[in-house]
Amino acid sequence: MHLNSPRKTKAEAARENGAKSRGPVTVEGKRIASMNAWKHGLTARSIRLQPGESADQCLRLHRAAYDRFLPSNPEEAARVDEFCVSLWLLRRVVRMETAALEENLPPEETPDPRLAWARAFESWTEWGDSFRKLLKYESHNVNCLLRVIAAHHRAPSSKS
């Protein structure tokens, strides 16, 4: 650095220090770092349980899917795993939607329960972008499920 040159900006210093980083080295460090961008898990490729979700239910879903699809090779097993993740995430989206709607239900005095749900939905749509995102994640997971099921039925060793 020349004596007459201006001092490094914070951004330059951060960029320089970041270039020196080699990332995590240990298996545990890599596992933790792999979750850095994890926010809601609605587009995940693996299941990370959230508060209130049951590891036992997740295992039962996995076992039931393996019993149903009976994968006979690694490719089929990967499809079953993808099916399980997509179904789990779809259920998560539905739970989020239900909780949001129930949170916005008007008081019990509403004479017609259908009207109560319609009002709850109407207030929920005021969320705008959040509502659209949930629908997008729901569609994404439904499409994944349909793709996996279609691939299972097209596979030569498909067992129905």
N, C-alpha and C. Protein backbone atom coordinates (compact mmCIF):
# COMPACT_ATOMS: atom_id res chain seq x y z
N MET A 1 0.84 -1.17 0.00
CA MET A 1 0.00 0.00 0.00
C MET A 1 0.89 1.23 0.00
N HIS A 2 0.62 2.17 -0.85
CA HIS A 2 1.40 3.40 -0.92
C HIS A 2 1.03 4.33 0.23
N LEU A 3 1.98 5.14 0.63
CA LEU A 3 1.74 6.08 1.72
C LEU A 3 0.67 7.10 1.36
N ASN A 4 0.59 7.48 0.12
CA ASN A 4 -0.37 8.50 -0.30
C ASN A 4 -1.74 7.93 -0.66
N SER A 5 -1.89 6.60 -0.72
CA SER A 5 -3.17 6.02 -1.13
C SER A 5 -4.17 6.09 0.03
N PRO A 6 -5.45 6.22 -0.30
CA PRO A 6 -6.47 6.30 0.75
C PRO A 6 -6.58 4.98 1.51
N ARG A 7 -7.06 5.05 2.74
CA ARG A 7 -7.24 3.83 3.54
C ARG A 7 -8.29 2.93 2.89
N LYS A 8 -8.16 1.66 3.15
CA LYS A 8 -9.13 0.71 2.62
C LYS A 8 -10.51 1.00 3.21
N THR A 9 -11.51 0.83 2.39
CA THR A 9 -12.87 0.94 2.91
C THR A 9 -13.20 -0.35 3.65
N LYS A 10 -14.24 -0.30 4.45
CA LYS A 10 -14.67 -1.50 5.17
C LYS A 10 -15.03 -2.61 4.20
N ALA A 11 -15.67 -2.24 3.10
CA ALA A 11 -16.08 -3.24 2.10
C ALA A 11 -14.87 -3.92 1.49
N GLU A 12 -13.85 -3.15 1.17
CA GLU A 12 -12.62 -3.73 0.60
C GLU A 12 -11.96 -4.67 1.60
N ALA A 13 -11.88 -4.24 2.86
CA ALA A 13 -11.27 -5.07 3.90
C ALA A 13 -12.07 -6.37 4.07
N ALA A 14 -13.39 -6.26 4.08
CA ALA A 14 -14.24 -7.45 4.23
C ALA A 14 -14.05 -8.39 3.06
N ARG A 15 -13.99 -7.85 1.84
CA ARG A 15 -13.78 -8.67 0.65
C ARG A 15 -12.44 -9.39 0.73
N GLU A 16 -11.40 -8.68 1.16
CA GLU A 16 -10.07 -9.25 1.26
C GLU A 16 -10.03 -10.36 2.31
N ASN A 17 -10.64 -10.12 3.47
CA ASN A 17 -10.68 -11.14 4.52
C ASN A 17 -11.54 -12.33 4.09
N GLY A 18 -12.63 -12.07 3.39
CA GLY A 18 -13.48 -13.15 2.92
C GLY A 18 -12.78 -14.04 1.92
N ALA A 19 -11.90 -13.47 1.12
CA ALA A 19 -11.16 -14.25 0.13
C ALA A 19 -10.19 -15.22 0.80
N LYS A 20 -9.79 -14.93 2.03
CA LYS A 20 -8.86 -15.79 2.76
C LYS A 20 -9.58 -16.99 3.38
N SER A 21 -10.90 -16.88 3.55
CA SER A 21 -11.66 -17.93 4.20
C SER A 21 -11.73 -19.18 3.33
N ARG A 22 -11.60 -20.30 3.97
CA ARG A 22 -11.70 -21.58 3.26
C ARG A 22 -12.96 -22.34 3.69
N GLY A 23 -13.79 -21.71 4.51
CA GLY A 23 -15.03 -22.35 4.95
C GLY A 23 -14.79 -23.36 6.04
N PRO A 24 -15.86 -24.02 6.46
CA PRO A 24 -15.73 -25.01 7.54
C PRO A 24 -14.91 -26.21 7.10
N VAL A 25 -14.22 -26.80 8.07
CA VAL A 25 -13.34 -27.92 7.78
C VAL A 25 -13.92 -29.23 8.31
N THR A 26 -14.52 -29.19 9.50
CA THR A 26 -15.03 -30.42 10.11
C THR A 26 -16.38 -30.80 9.51
N VAL A 27 -16.74 -32.06 9.67
CA VAL A 27 -18.03 -32.54 9.18
C VAL A 27 -19.15 -31.77 9.89
N GLU A 28 -19.03 -31.58 11.20
CA GLU A 28 -20.05 -30.86 11.95
C GLU A 28 -20.14 -29.41 11.48
N GLY A 29 -19.01 -28.77 11.26
CA GLY A 29 -18.99 -27.39 10.77
C GLY A 29 -19.64 -27.28 9.41
N LYS A 30 -19.39 -28.24 8.54
CA LYS A 30 -20.01 -28.23 7.21
C LYS A 30 -21.52 -28.44 7.31
N ARG A 31 -21.95 -29.31 8.23
CA ARG A 31 -23.38 -29.55 8.41
C ARG A 31 -24.06 -28.27 8.88
N ILE A 32 -23.45 -27.58 9.83
CA ILE A 32 -24.03 -26.34 10.35
C ILE A 32 -24.05 -25.28 9.26
N ALA A 33 -22.96 -25.13 8.52
CA ALA A 33 -22.88 -24.11 7.47
C ALA A 33 -23.89 -24.38 6.36
N SER A 34 -24.22 -25.65 6.13
CA SER A 34 -25.17 -25.97 5.06
C SER A 34 -26.57 -25.45 5.37
N MET A 35 -26.81 -25.11 6.63
CA MET A 35 -28.12 -24.61 7.04
C MET A 35 -28.14 -23.09 7.16
N ASN A 36 -27.08 -22.40 6.76
CA ASN A 36 -27.00 -20.95 6.94
C ASN A 36 -28.16 -20.20 6.29
N ALA A 37 -28.59 -20.60 5.13
CA ALA A 37 -29.64 -19.88 4.42
C ALA A 37 -31.03 -20.41 4.74
N TRP A 38 -31.13 -21.41 5.62
CA TRP A 38 -32.41 -22.04 5.93
C TRP A 38 -33.30 -21.06 6.68
N LYS A 39 -34.51 -20.84 6.19
CA LYS A 39 -35.42 -19.91 6.84
C LYS A 39 -36.71 -20.62 7.26
N HIS A 40 -37.45 -21.14 6.30
CA HIS A 40 -38.73 -21.76 6.60
C HIS A 40 -38.79 -23.22 6.19
N GLY A 41 -37.85 -23.66 5.38
CA GLY A 41 -37.80 -25.06 4.99
C GLY A 41 -38.87 -25.50 4.03
N LEU A 42 -39.54 -24.59 3.35
CA LEU A 42 -40.63 -24.97 2.46
C LEU A 42 -40.16 -25.38 1.07
N THR A 43 -38.89 -25.19 0.78
CA THR A 43 -38.33 -25.63 -0.51
C THR A 43 -37.12 -26.53 -0.28
N ALA A 44 -37.01 -27.08 0.90
CA ALA A 44 -35.84 -27.88 1.27
C ALA A 44 -35.79 -29.18 0.47
N ARG A 45 -34.62 -29.75 0.40
CA ARG A 45 -34.46 -31.06 -0.24
C ARG A 45 -34.31 -32.17 0.79
N SER A 46 -34.32 -31.77 2.05
CA SER A 46 -34.31 -32.73 3.15
C SER A 46 -35.20 -32.17 4.26
N ILE A 47 -35.55 -33.02 5.18
CA ILE A 47 -36.46 -32.59 6.24
C ILE A 47 -35.65 -32.16 7.46
N ARG A 48 -35.92 -30.95 7.90
CA ARG A 48 -35.38 -30.44 9.16
C ARG A 48 -36.60 -30.10 9.99
N LEU A 49 -36.78 -30.85 11.07
CA LEU A 49 -37.99 -30.68 11.87
C LEU A 49 -38.06 -29.29 12.48
N GLN A 50 -39.26 -28.72 12.47
CA GLN A 50 -39.52 -27.45 13.10
C GLN A 50 -40.21 -27.70 14.43
N PRO A 51 -40.21 -26.71 15.32
CA PRO A 51 -40.92 -26.90 16.59
C PRO A 51 -42.36 -27.35 16.34
N GLY A 52 -42.77 -28.35 17.09
CA GLY A 52 -44.11 -28.88 16.95
C GLY A 52 -44.22 -30.04 15.97
N GLU A 53 -43.16 -30.31 15.20
CA GLU A 53 -43.18 -31.45 14.27
C GLU A 53 -42.57 -32.66 14.97
N SER A 54 -43.09 -33.81 14.65
CA SER A 54 -42.71 -35.05 15.32
C SER A 54 -41.76 -35.90 14.48
N ALA A 55 -40.62 -36.23 15.08
CA ALA A 55 -39.67 -37.12 14.40
C ALA A 55 -40.30 -38.49 14.18
N ASP A 56 -41.13 -38.93 15.13
CA ASP A 56 -41.80 -40.22 15.00
C ASP A 56 -42.76 -40.22 13.80
N GLN A 57 -43.52 -39.16 13.64
CA GLN A 57 -44.43 -39.06 12.49
C GLN A 57 -43.66 -39.03 11.17
N CYS A 58 -42.54 -38.35 11.19
CA CYS A 58 -41.70 -38.27 9.99
C CYS A 58 -41.18 -39.67 9.61
N LEU A 59 -40.72 -40.41 10.60
CA LEU A 59 -40.23 -41.78 10.35
C LEU A 59 -41.36 -42.69 9.87
N ARG A 60 -42.55 -42.54 10.45
CA ARG A 60 -43.70 -43.35 10.02
C ARG A 60 -44.05 -43.05 8.56
N LEU A 61 -44.02 -41.78 8.19
CA LEU A 61 -44.29 -41.41 6.80
C LEU A 61 -43.27 -42.07 5.88
N HIS A 62 -42.00 -42.01 6.26
CA HIS A 62 -40.94 -42.58 5.45
C HIS A 62 -41.12 -44.10 5.29
N ARG A 63 -41.39 -44.77 6.40
CA ARG A 63 -41.59 -46.23 6.34
C ARG A 63 -42.79 -46.59 5.49
N ALA A 64 -43.89 -45.85 5.65
CA ALA A 64 -45.11 -46.14 4.88
C ALA A 64 -44.84 -45.95 3.38
N ALA A 65 -44.09 -44.91 3.03
CA ALA A 65 -43.79 -44.67 1.61
C ALA A 65 -42.91 -45.80 1.06
N TYR A 66 -41.92 -46.23 1.83
CA TYR A 66 -41.07 -47.34 1.37
C TYR A 66 -41.89 -48.62 1.24
N ASP A 67 -42.81 -48.86 2.18
CA ASP A 67 -43.67 -50.05 2.09
C ASP A 67 -44.60 -49.97 0.88
N ARG A 68 -45.05 -48.77 0.54
CA ARG A 68 -45.97 -48.59 -0.58
C ARG A 68 -45.26 -48.71 -1.92
N PHE A 69 -44.13 -48.05 -2.06
CA PHE A 69 -43.44 -47.99 -3.35
C PHE A 69 -42.43 -49.10 -3.57
N LEU A 70 -41.97 -49.74 -2.50
CA LEU A 70 -41.02 -50.86 -2.57
C LEU A 70 -39.86 -50.59 -3.55
N PRO A 71 -39.04 -49.60 -3.27
CA PRO A 71 -37.94 -49.30 -4.20
C PRO A 71 -36.97 -50.47 -4.30
N SER A 72 -36.53 -50.76 -5.52
CA SER A 72 -35.64 -51.90 -5.73
C SER A 72 -34.25 -51.49 -6.21
N ASN A 73 -34.00 -50.18 -6.34
CA ASN A 73 -32.67 -49.71 -6.73
C ASN A 73 -32.48 -48.29 -6.18
N PRO A 74 -31.27 -47.77 -6.23
CA PRO A 74 -31.00 -46.44 -5.65
C PRO A 74 -31.84 -45.31 -6.28
N GLU A 75 -32.11 -45.40 -7.57
CA GLU A 75 -32.91 -44.36 -8.21
C GLU A 75 -34.33 -44.35 -7.67
N GLU A 76 -34.92 -45.52 -7.51
CA GLU A 76 -36.27 -45.60 -6.95
C GLU A 76 -36.28 -45.14 -5.50
N ALA A 77 -35.25 -45.50 -4.75
CA ALA A 77 -35.15 -45.06 -3.35
C ALA A 77 -35.05 -43.54 -3.27
N ALA A 78 -34.32 -42.94 -4.19
CA ALA A 78 -34.20 -41.48 -4.22
C ALA A 78 -35.55 -40.84 -4.51
N ARG A 79 -36.34 -41.46 -5.40
CA ARG A 79 -37.68 -40.94 -5.70
C ARG A 79 -38.58 -41.03 -4.47
N VAL A 80 -38.47 -42.13 -3.73
CA VAL A 80 -39.28 -42.28 -2.51
C VAL A 80 -38.87 -41.22 -1.49
N ASP A 81 -37.57 -40.98 -1.37
CA ASP A 81 -37.10 -39.94 -0.45
C ASP A 81 -37.64 -38.57 -0.86
N GLU A 82 -37.61 -38.28 -2.15
CA GLU A 82 -38.13 -37.00 -2.65
C GLU A 82 -39.63 -36.89 -2.38
N PHE A 83 -40.33 -38.00 -2.56
CA PHE A 83 -41.76 -38.05 -2.26
C PHE A 83 -42.01 -37.70 -0.80
N CYS A 84 -41.24 -38.31 0.10
CA CYS A 84 -41.41 -38.07 1.54
C CYS A 84 -41.16 -36.61 1.90
N VAL A 85 -40.09 -36.05 1.37
CA VAL A 85 -39.78 -34.65 1.65
C VAL A 85 -40.89 -33.75 1.13
N SER A 86 -41.33 -33.98 -0.10
CA SER A 86 -42.38 -33.13 -0.69
C SER A 86 -43.69 -33.23 0.08
N LEU A 87 -44.06 -34.45 0.47
CA LEU A 87 -45.30 -34.62 1.23
C LEU A 87 -45.19 -33.95 2.60
N TRP A 88 -44.05 -34.11 3.26
CA TRP A 88 -43.84 -33.49 4.57
C TRP A 88 -43.93 -31.96 4.45
N LEU A 89 -43.29 -31.40 3.44
CA LEU A 89 -43.30 -29.95 3.26
C LEU A 89 -44.69 -29.44 2.87
N LEU A 90 -45.41 -30.22 2.08
CA LEU A 90 -46.78 -29.85 1.73
C LEU A 90 -47.64 -29.81 2.99
N ARG A 91 -47.49 -30.80 3.83
CA ARG A 91 -48.24 -30.80 5.09
C ARG A 91 -47.86 -29.59 5.95
N ARG A 92 -46.59 -29.21 5.92
CA ARG A 92 -46.13 -28.04 6.68
C ARG A 92 -46.82 -26.77 6.16
N VAL A 93 -46.90 -26.63 4.84
CA VAL A 93 -47.56 -25.46 4.26
C VAL A 93 -49.03 -25.43 4.67
N VAL A 94 -49.69 -26.58 4.61
CA VAL A 94 -51.11 -26.64 4.97
C VAL A 94 -51.30 -26.27 6.44
N ARG A 95 -50.41 -26.73 7.31
CA ARG A 95 -50.50 -26.35 8.73
C ARG A 95 -50.33 -24.84 8.89
N MET A 96 -49.41 -24.25 8.13
CA MET A 96 -49.19 -22.80 8.21
C MET A 96 -50.43 -22.05 7.72
N GLU A 97 -51.01 -22.51 6.62
CA GLU A 97 -52.21 -21.87 6.10
C GLU A 97 -53.35 -21.96 7.10
N THR A 98 -53.54 -23.15 7.68
CA THR A 98 -54.61 -23.35 8.65
C THR A 98 -54.43 -22.45 9.86
N ALA A 99 -53.20 -22.40 10.38
CA ALA A 99 -52.92 -21.55 11.54
C ALA A 99 -53.20 -20.09 11.23
N ALA A 100 -52.80 -19.64 10.04
CA ALA A 100 -53.03 -18.24 9.66
C ALA A 100 -54.52 -17.94 9.55
N LEU A 101 -55.27 -18.84 8.95
CA LEU A 101 -56.71 -18.63 8.82
C LEU A 101 -57.39 -18.65 10.19
N GLU A 102 -57.01 -19.61 11.04
CA GLU A 102 -57.63 -19.69 12.37
C GLU A 102 -57.30 -18.46 13.20
N GLU A 103 -56.11 -17.93 13.03
CA GLU A 103 -55.69 -16.72 13.75
C GLU A 103 -56.59 -15.53 13.38
N ASN A 104 -57.10 -15.53 12.16
CA ASN A 104 -57.90 -14.41 11.67
C ASN A 104 -59.41 -14.67 11.71
N LEU A 105 -59.81 -15.80 12.33
CA LEU A 105 -61.25 -16.06 12.43
C LEU A 105 -61.89 -15.01 13.32
N PRO A 106 -63.07 -14.52 12.92
CA PRO A 106 -63.76 -13.55 13.77
C PRO A 106 -64.30 -14.25 15.03
N PRO A 107 -64.78 -13.49 15.97
CA PRO A 107 -65.31 -14.09 17.21
C PRO A 107 -66.40 -15.12 16.93
N GLU A 108 -66.62 -15.97 17.90
CA GLU A 108 -67.58 -17.08 17.78
C GLU A 108 -68.99 -16.64 17.43
N GLU A 109 -69.33 -15.38 17.65
CA GLU A 109 -70.70 -14.93 17.44
C GLU A 109 -71.14 -14.94 15.98
N THR A 110 -70.21 -15.12 15.05
CA THR A 110 -70.58 -15.10 13.63
C THR A 110 -71.61 -16.21 13.39
N PRO A 111 -72.80 -15.83 12.88
CA PRO A 111 -73.88 -16.81 12.76
C PRO A 111 -73.58 -17.95 11.78
N ASP A 112 -72.92 -17.67 10.70
CA ASP A 112 -72.68 -18.68 9.68
C ASP A 112 -71.19 -19.02 9.66
N PRO A 113 -70.81 -20.27 9.98
CA PRO A 113 -69.38 -20.63 10.01
C PRO A 113 -68.69 -20.42 8.66
N ARG A 114 -69.45 -20.58 7.57
CA ARG A 114 -68.85 -20.34 6.25
C ARG A 114 -68.44 -18.88 6.10
N LEU A 115 -69.27 -18.00 6.64
CA LEU A 115 -68.97 -16.58 6.60
C LEU A 115 -67.71 -16.27 7.44
N ALA A 116 -67.58 -16.95 8.57
CA ALA A 116 -66.40 -16.75 9.41
C ALA A 116 -65.13 -17.12 8.65
N TRP A 117 -65.15 -18.26 7.97
CA TRP A 117 -63.97 -18.68 7.20
C TRP A 117 -63.72 -17.73 6.03
N ALA A 118 -64.79 -17.25 5.40
CA ALA A 118 -64.62 -16.31 4.29
C ALA A 118 -63.98 -15.02 4.79
N ARG A 119 -64.41 -14.53 5.95
CA ARG A 119 -63.81 -13.31 6.51
C ARG A 119 -62.35 -13.54 6.90
N ALA A 120 -62.07 -14.71 7.44
CA ALA A 120 -60.69 -15.03 7.79
C ALA A 120 -59.82 -15.04 6.55
N PHE A 121 -60.34 -15.66 5.49
CA PHE A 121 -59.59 -15.70 4.24
C PHE A 121 -59.39 -14.30 3.68
N GLU A 122 -60.44 -13.49 3.74
CA GLU A 122 -60.36 -12.12 3.23
C GLU A 122 -59.27 -11.33 3.97
N SER A 123 -59.20 -11.48 5.29
CA SER A 123 -58.17 -10.75 6.04
C SER A 123 -56.79 -11.31 5.73
N TRP A 124 -56.74 -12.61 5.44
CA TRP A 124 -55.44 -13.23 5.15
C TRP A 124 -54.90 -12.75 3.81
N THR A 125 -55.79 -12.52 2.86
CA THR A 125 -55.32 -12.06 1.56
C THR A 125 -54.71 -10.66 1.63
N GLU A 126 -55.03 -9.94 2.71
CA GLU A 126 -54.41 -8.63 2.92
C GLU A 126 -52.91 -8.77 3.19
N TRP A 127 -52.49 -9.98 3.53
CA TRP A 127 -51.06 -10.23 3.72
C TRP A 127 -50.31 -10.08 2.41
N GLY A 128 -51.04 -10.23 1.29
CA GLY A 128 -50.44 -10.03 -0.01
C GLY A 128 -49.35 -11.02 -0.35
N ASP A 129 -48.12 -10.58 -0.30
CA ASP A 129 -46.98 -11.37 -0.74
C ASP A 129 -46.82 -12.66 0.06
N SER A 130 -47.07 -12.64 1.35
CA SER A 130 -46.95 -13.85 2.16
C SER A 130 -47.90 -14.94 1.68
N PHE A 131 -49.11 -14.54 1.37
CA PHE A 131 -50.11 -15.48 0.86
C PHE A 131 -49.66 -16.08 -0.46
N ARG A 132 -49.18 -15.22 -1.36
CA ARG A 132 -48.70 -15.70 -2.67
C ARG A 132 -47.53 -16.67 -2.51
N LYS A 133 -46.63 -16.37 -1.59
CA LYS A 133 -45.48 -17.25 -1.37
C LYS A 133 -45.92 -18.61 -0.86
N LEU A 134 -46.84 -18.63 0.09
CA LEU A 134 -47.32 -19.92 0.59
C LEU A 134 -47.95 -20.73 -0.53
N LEU A 135 -48.75 -20.09 -1.37
CA LEU A 135 -49.36 -20.80 -2.49
C LEU A 135 -48.29 -21.33 -3.45
N LYS A 136 -47.24 -20.53 -3.65
CA LYS A 136 -46.15 -20.96 -4.54
C LYS A 136 -45.47 -22.21 -3.97
N TYR A 137 -45.18 -22.21 -2.66
CA TYR A 137 -44.54 -23.37 -2.04
C TYR A 137 -45.46 -24.58 -2.06
N GLU A 138 -46.74 -24.34 -1.87
CA GLU A 138 -47.71 -25.43 -1.91
C GLU A 138 -47.73 -26.04 -3.31
N SER A 139 -47.79 -25.22 -4.34
CA SER A 139 -47.79 -25.71 -5.72
C SER A 139 -46.50 -26.45 -6.04
N HIS A 140 -45.38 -25.91 -5.58
CA HIS A 140 -44.08 -26.55 -5.82
C HIS A 140 -44.08 -27.97 -5.26
N ASN A 141 -44.56 -28.14 -4.04
CA ASN A 141 -44.54 -29.46 -3.42
C ASN A 141 -45.56 -30.41 -4.02
N VAL A 142 -46.71 -29.90 -4.42
CA VAL A 142 -47.68 -30.74 -5.13
C VAL A 142 -47.08 -31.23 -6.44
N ASN A 143 -46.44 -30.33 -7.18
CA ASN A 143 -45.81 -30.72 -8.45
C ASN A 143 -44.71 -31.75 -8.24
N CYS A 144 -43.93 -31.61 -7.18
CA CYS A 144 -42.90 -32.61 -6.87
C CYS A 144 -43.54 -33.97 -6.61
N LEU A 145 -44.62 -33.98 -5.83
CA LEU A 145 -45.30 -35.25 -5.55
C LEU A 145 -45.82 -35.88 -6.83
N LEU A 146 -46.46 -35.10 -7.67
CA LEU A 146 -46.99 -35.63 -8.92
C LEU A 146 -45.88 -36.16 -9.83
N ARG A 147 -44.75 -35.44 -9.89
CA ARG A 147 -43.62 -35.88 -10.71
C ARG A 147 -43.07 -37.22 -10.21
N VAL A 148 -42.94 -37.35 -8.89
CA VAL A 148 -42.41 -38.59 -8.32
C VAL A 148 -43.37 -39.75 -8.58
N ILE A 149 -44.65 -39.51 -8.39
CA ILE A 149 -45.64 -40.58 -8.62
C ILE A 149 -45.65 -40.99 -10.09
N ALA A 150 -45.60 -40.01 -10.99
CA ALA A 150 -45.58 -40.33 -12.42
C ALA A 150 -44.32 -41.12 -12.78
N ALA A 151 -43.19 -40.74 -12.23
CA ALA A 151 -41.93 -41.46 -12.51
C ALA A 151 -42.01 -42.89 -11.98
N HIS A 152 -42.64 -43.05 -10.83
CA HIS A 152 -42.79 -44.39 -10.25
C HIS A 152 -43.63 -45.28 -11.17
N HIS A 153 -44.69 -44.73 -11.70
CA HIS A 153 -45.57 -45.53 -12.58
C HIS A 153 -44.94 -45.80 -13.95
N ARG A 154 -44.04 -44.93 -14.39
CA ARG A 154 -43.36 -45.16 -15.68
C ARG A 154 -42.20 -46.14 -15.56
N ALA A 155 -41.66 -46.29 -14.35
CA ALA A 155 -40.48 -47.14 -14.16
C ALA A 155 -40.82 -48.60 -14.50
N PRO A 156 -39.89 -49.30 -15.19
CA PRO A 156 -40.17 -50.68 -15.58
C PRO A 156 -40.38 -51.61 -14.40
N SER A 157 -39.74 -51.33 -13.27
CA SER A 157 -39.88 -52.23 -12.13
C SER A 157 -40.98 -51.74 -11.19
N SER A 158 -41.85 -50.87 -11.69
CA SER A 158 -42.91 -50.29 -10.89
C SER A 158 -43.80 -51.38 -10.29
N LYS A 159 -44.05 -51.24 -8.99
CA LYS A 159 -44.92 -52.19 -8.30
C LYS A 159 -46.12 -51.43 -7.79
N SER A 160 -47.29 -51.77 -8.20
CA SER A 160 -48.47 -51.02 -7.76
C SER A 160 -49.27 -51.76 -6.78
